[in-house]
Protein backbone atom coordinates (compact mmCIF):
# COMPACT_ATOMS: atom_id res chain seq x y z
CA PHE A 1 151.78 -38.47 -248.46
CA LYS A 2 153.38 -34.88 -247.41
CA ALA A 3 155.22 -35.48 -251.07
CA LEU A 4 152.12 -36.23 -252.93
CA ASP A 5 150.36 -33.16 -251.29
CA ALA A 6 151.45 -30.03 -253.74
CA ASN A 7 149.26 -27.44 -251.81
CA ALA A 8 149.70 -28.67 -248.53
CA ASP A 9 146.02 -28.85 -247.84
CA GLY A 10 145.85 -31.90 -245.78
CA ALA A 11 144.24 -34.12 -248.17
CA LEU A 12 144.96 -35.59 -252.04
CA GLU A 13 143.06 -33.82 -255.35
CA PHE A 14 142.49 -36.31 -258.17
CA SER A 15 145.17 -34.48 -259.96
CA GLU A 16 147.45 -35.22 -256.90
CA LEU A 17 147.10 -38.93 -256.74
CA HIS A 18 146.79 -39.39 -260.44
CA ASP A 19 150.40 -40.95 -261.29
CA LEU A 20 150.27 -43.38 -258.49
CA LEU A 21 146.99 -44.50 -259.51
CA GLN A 22 148.50 -45.02 -262.72
CA LYS A 23 151.40 -46.72 -261.56
CA GLY A 24 149.81 -50.46 -261.28
CA ASN A 25 147.46 -49.79 -263.76
CA ALA A 26 149.12 -48.98 -266.83
CA GLY A 27 146.99 -47.84 -270.32
CA MET A 28 143.76 -47.41 -267.89
CA ALA A 29 141.42 -45.36 -269.47
CA GLU A 30 140.89 -41.31 -267.65
CA ASP A 31 137.56 -42.48 -266.28
CA ASP A 32 138.50 -45.72 -265.11
CA LEU A 33 141.37 -43.85 -263.12
CA LYS A 34 138.43 -41.25 -261.98
CA LEU A 35 136.38 -44.47 -260.63
CA LEU A 36 139.32 -46.15 -258.93
CA PHE A 37 139.94 -42.54 -257.29
CA SER A 38 136.27 -42.29 -256.06
CA LYS A 39 136.90 -46.33 -254.57
CA VAL A 40 139.82 -44.64 -252.67
CA ASN A 41 138.05 -41.84 -251.64
CA LYS A 42 135.38 -43.59 -249.41
CA SER A 43 133.90 -40.40 -248.58
CA GLY A 44 132.85 -38.88 -251.04
CA SER A 45 134.25 -35.22 -250.09
CA GLY A 46 136.18 -35.21 -253.68
CA LYS A 47 139.48 -35.06 -252.00
CA VAL A 48 141.67 -38.13 -250.53
CA ALA A 49 141.90 -37.99 -246.66
CA PHE A 50 145.24 -39.32 -244.89
CA ASP A 51 143.52 -42.22 -243.61
CA GLU A 52 141.66 -43.11 -246.68
CA PHE A 53 145.28 -43.08 -248.24
CA VAL A 54 146.95 -45.24 -245.90
CA ASP A 55 143.91 -47.55 -246.61
CA PHE A 56 144.90 -47.51 -250.08
CA VAL A 57 148.58 -48.12 -249.69
CA PHE A 58 148.36 -50.73 -247.19
CA ASP A 59 145.10 -52.83 -247.82
CA GLY A 60 144.61 -52.08 -251.64
CA VAL A 61 141.63 -50.68 -253.66
CA VAL A 62 143.62 -52.59 -256.79
CA ASP A 63 146.58 -54.86 -256.18
CA SER A 64 148.02 -55.13 -259.53
CA ALA A 65 148.61 -54.12 -263.37
CA SER A 66 145.78 -57.11 -264.03
CA GLY A 67 143.17 -55.06 -261.83
CA ALA A 68 142.42 -57.70 -259.12
CA SER A 69 140.67 -56.47 -256.50
CA GLY A 70 141.51 -55.43 -253.10
CA GLY A 71 139.67 -54.68 -250.21
CA ALA A 72 137.73 -52.19 -251.63
CA GLY A 73 135.39 -52.06 -254.64
CA LYS A 74 135.17 -54.05 -258.13
CA ALA A 75 138.44 -54.28 -260.47
CA ALA A 76 139.15 -51.50 -262.60
CA VAL A 77 138.29 -52.59 -266.63
CA VAL A 78 141.30 -51.83 -268.79
CA TYR A 79 140.40 -51.06 -272.35
CA PRO A 80 141.26 -52.06 -275.41
CA LYS A 81 140.43 -55.36 -273.90
CA THR A 82 140.58 -58.61 -275.41
CA ILE A 83 137.92 -61.40 -275.22
CA ALA A 84 136.55 -64.90 -276.27
CA PHE A 85 133.54 -64.29 -278.89
CA LYS A 86 131.01 -66.02 -276.10
CA GLU A 87 132.20 -63.38 -273.68
CA LEU A 88 130.53 -60.53 -276.17
CA ALA A 89 127.27 -59.84 -274.38
CA ALA A 90 128.76 -59.90 -271.27
CA GLY A 91 131.34 -57.26 -272.24
CA VAL A 92 128.96 -55.31 -273.76
CA LYS A 93 127.22 -55.07 -270.71
CA GLU A 94 129.90 -54.68 -268.36
CA ALA A 95 130.69 -51.60 -270.63
CA SER A 96 127.41 -50.47 -270.57
CA GLU A 97 127.13 -50.28 -266.30
CA LEU A 98 130.14 -48.42 -266.99
CA GLY A 99 128.69 -45.85 -268.92
CA ARG A 100 130.95 -46.63 -271.65
CA ASN A 101 129.94 -46.73 -275.57
CA VAL A 102 131.89 -49.36 -277.35
CA LEU A 103 133.76 -50.82 -280.51
CA ILE A 104 133.45 -54.23 -281.36
CA LEU A 105 136.70 -55.42 -283.14
CA SER A 106 136.15 -58.96 -285.16
CA SER A 107 139.42 -59.32 -286.98
CA GLY A 108 137.93 -60.17 -290.23
CA LEU A 109 135.03 -62.55 -289.10
CA ASP A 110 131.24 -61.36 -289.51
CA GLU A 111 129.78 -63.94 -286.58
CA VAL A 112 129.80 -60.40 -284.69
CA GLU A 113 127.65 -58.75 -286.92
CA ARG A 114 125.52 -61.87 -287.01
CA PHE A 115 125.20 -61.76 -283.26
CA MET A 116 124.49 -57.86 -283.21
CA GLN A 117 121.65 -58.77 -285.91
CA TYR A 118 119.75 -61.12 -283.06
CA GLN A 119 119.66 -58.38 -280.25
CA GLN A 120 117.51 -55.78 -279.47
CA ASN A 121 118.55 -52.48 -280.92
CA ILE A 122 118.03 -49.70 -283.88
CA PRO A 123 120.56 -50.15 -286.60
CA LEU A 124 122.72 -47.64 -288.35
CA ASP A 125 124.32 -49.39 -291.36
CA CYS A 126 127.56 -47.24 -292.37
CA LYS A 127 127.78 -49.46 -295.22
CA GLN A 128 124.66 -48.11 -296.69
CA ILE A 129 124.97 -44.68 -296.15
CA ILE A 130 128.29 -45.10 -297.99
CA ASN A 131 126.57 -47.23 -300.83
CA GLU A 132 123.80 -45.05 -301.10
CA VAL A 133 125.81 -41.45 -301.16
CA TYR A 134 128.60 -42.18 -302.98
CA VAL A 135 127.93 -44.82 -305.35
CA THR A 136 124.50 -44.76 -306.26
CA LYS A 137 123.39 -41.56 -305.06
CA ALA A 138 119.88 -42.48 -304.36
CA LYS A 139 120.25 -40.20 -300.84
CA SER A 140 122.32 -37.19 -300.06
CA LYS A 141 124.90 -36.97 -297.21
CA ASP A 142 122.26 -34.75 -295.61
CA GLU A 143 119.48 -37.10 -295.83
CA TRP A 144 121.25 -39.72 -294.47
CA ARG A 145 122.26 -36.88 -291.58
CA GLU A 146 118.19 -36.48 -291.11
CA GLU A 147 117.69 -40.45 -291.29
CA ALA A 148 120.30 -40.78 -288.62
CA LYS A 149 119.08 -38.21 -286.20
CA ARG A 150 115.56 -40.08 -286.42
CA LYS A 151 117.34 -43.55 -285.42
CA LEU A 152 119.27 -41.68 -282.87
CA MET A 153 115.71 -40.35 -281.14
CA SER A 154 114.04 -43.56 -281.50
CA ALA A 155 117.14 -45.08 -279.89
CA MET A 156 116.59 -42.92 -276.78
CA ASN A 157 113.07 -43.06 -277.16
CA SER A 158 111.51 -46.31 -278.26
CA MET A 159 107.74 -46.95 -276.95
CA GLY A 160 109.40 -44.84 -273.83
CA PHE A 161 112.33 -47.10 -273.12
CA CYS A 162 115.71 -46.90 -274.55
CA LYS A 163 117.55 -48.98 -277.01
CA PRO A 164 121.45 -49.65 -277.86
CA LEU A 165 122.10 -48.13 -281.52
CA TYR A 166 123.87 -50.27 -283.32
CA CYS A 167 126.19 -48.47 -285.86
CA ARG A 168 127.45 -51.42 -288.48
CA LEU A 169 131.16 -50.35 -290.39
CA ALA A 170 131.96 -53.54 -291.81
CA ASN A 171 135.15 -53.10 -293.29
CA SER A 172 134.83 -49.42 -293.95
CA ALA A 173 136.17 -46.47 -292.14
CA PHE A 174 133.04 -44.64 -292.08
CA ASP A 175 133.84 -40.85 -291.46
CA PHE A 176 132.11 -39.94 -288.44
CA VAL A 177 133.88 -37.18 -287.41
CA ASP A 178 132.67 -35.23 -290.88
CA PHE A 179 128.74 -36.81 -290.77
CA CYS A 180 128.30 -35.69 -287.07
CA THR A 181 126.65 -32.19 -286.61
CA ASP A 182 125.50 -30.52 -283.45
CA ASP A 183 121.85 -30.14 -285.26
CA GLY A 184 121.69 -33.53 -286.35
CA PHE A 185 123.78 -36.77 -284.82
CA PRO A 186 126.14 -35.06 -282.72
CA ALA A 187 129.47 -36.08 -282.20
CA ASP A 188 128.78 -36.08 -278.23
CA VAL A 189 126.80 -39.29 -278.61
CA PHE A 190 130.11 -41.32 -278.78
CA CYS A 191 131.36 -39.68 -275.42
CA SER A 192 130.76 -41.59 -271.78
CA LYS A 193 127.77 -41.46 -269.59
CA GLU A 194 129.41 -38.55 -267.85
CA VAL A 195 128.92 -35.91 -270.99
CA TRP A 196 126.29 -37.49 -273.33
CA THR A 197 123.81 -36.96 -270.45
CA ILE A 198 119.76 -37.18 -270.44
CA ASP A 199 119.81 -33.26 -270.13
CA LYS A 200 122.12 -33.06 -273.10
CA ALA A 201 120.02 -35.22 -275.17
CA PHE A 202 117.12 -32.74 -274.19
CA GLU A 203 119.40 -29.50 -275.01
CA LEU A 204 119.87 -30.67 -278.24
CA LYS A 205 115.86 -31.51 -278.48
CA LEU A 206 116.76 -35.48 -279.36
CA ILE A 207 114.17 -36.01 -276.39
CA ASP A 208 111.23 -34.25 -275.42
CA GLU A 209 110.21 -33.22 -271.86
CA ASN A 210 107.83 -35.92 -270.96
CA GLN A 211 110.70 -38.35 -272.12
CA LYS A 212 113.52 -36.75 -270.29
CA PHE A 213 111.31 -37.31 -266.96
CA GLU A 214 110.82 -41.13 -267.90
CA LEU A 215 114.36 -41.44 -268.31
CA SER A 216 115.37 -40.02 -264.75
CA VAL A 217 113.20 -41.58 -262.78
CA GLU A 218 114.54 -45.10 -260.45
CA ASP A 219 118.10 -43.58 -260.87
CA ASP A 220 117.99 -43.31 -264.76
CA LYS A 221 117.33 -46.99 -264.94
CA LYS A 222 115.52 -46.66 -268.86
CA TRP A 223 118.42 -44.52 -269.42
CA LYS A 224 120.93 -47.02 -268.79
CA ASP A 225 119.75 -48.94 -271.44
CA PHE A 226 121.28 -46.88 -273.76
CA GLN A 227 124.69 -47.58 -275.42
CA VAL A 228 126.20 -46.63 -278.64
CA ILE A 229 127.37 -49.94 -280.55
CA VAL A 230 129.87 -49.72 -282.98
CA THR A 231 130.67 -52.97 -284.84
CA SER A 232 133.92 -53.18 -287.47
CA THR A 233 136.14 -56.23 -289.18
CA PHE A 234 139.22 -54.45 -288.53
CA ASP A 235 141.25 -55.95 -285.79
CA LEU A 236 143.10 -53.38 -283.14
CA ASP A 237 146.04 -52.44 -285.52
CA LYS A 238 143.85 -51.45 -288.02
CA ALA A 239 141.17 -49.76 -285.71
CA ASN A 240 143.91 -47.32 -284.31
CA GLU A 241 145.51 -46.59 -287.90
CA PHE A 242 141.89 -45.81 -289.58
CA LEU A 243 139.38 -45.33 -287.20
CA LEU A 244 141.14 -43.38 -284.72
CA ASP A 245 140.31 -39.64 -286.22
CA LYS A 246 136.72 -41.20 -288.10
CA ILE A 247 135.12 -41.80 -284.86
CA PRO A 248 134.73 -38.75 -282.32
CA HIS A 249 135.81 -39.31 -279.02
CA TYR A 250 137.43 -42.58 -279.85
CA ASP A 251 139.99 -42.98 -276.65
CA ASP A 252 136.68 -42.75 -274.59
CA LEU A 253 135.06 -46.18 -276.15
CA ALA A 254 135.28 -49.19 -274.43
CA ILE A 255 137.21 -51.16 -277.15
CA LEU A 256 136.83 -55.11 -277.32
CA VAL A 257 138.58 -57.22 -279.60
CA VAL A 258 137.07 -60.45 -280.11
CA ASP A 259 139.74 -63.37 -280.43
CA PRO A 260 139.39 -65.13 -284.00
CA ASP A 261 140.56 -68.17 -281.89
CA SER A 262 137.74 -68.57 -280.00
CA ILE A 263 135.39 -68.56 -283.25
CA GLU A 264 134.39 -72.06 -284.22
CA LYS A 265 135.64 -72.36 -287.74
């Protein structure tokens, strides 16, 4: 404990406990490490006291690299995560409960897109944007930016409720980094709920004051239904190669890789 307590204040801050938390959970996202830290810090003080540290070391909040639960809290979720197709709905819900947006990779199969078509969401078809802006010239990029902004606003205020915003990439590497603007479709919408907040949406005039109030009641219950879900037919290797610099805050996304062998041919 003393060796970790760099500033010798008798308690461990997140930065001081970071490496120990990560040692048994290689690849865990920073947000998940912070969630794990909060479970170690049972008092909620923001610093881990000596007795909390002892409980963590001997009882174990997380047993092993697999993330099996110890005596306290729920097992941390590590992304990218490979799932069976039948686990897709549960995987999206799990990410939503963690305040994370989702990138679903289907490795060339179209069943994921068909699944999404039957879900309650506001669709944004990026293949259509590419076609109408660069092929048919039916719309300009700015016109589509305004349309995307309207869809985002609708997702955050659908008759007073929220719905997921579904961004369909198909086999494209749609450049959201270039497409996003601060006064249109903002890049921060891809961040976790720690960054993309009700106040942030209100500040950018994407929701009005009445909707801000509606979303804030009952512990943000309605706001929790808002989530950005991106689907791609890429596998993980192609996504890391072609989408890493195209989707803002790519590393914040909960990446779900659908196992192709789990889909009946």
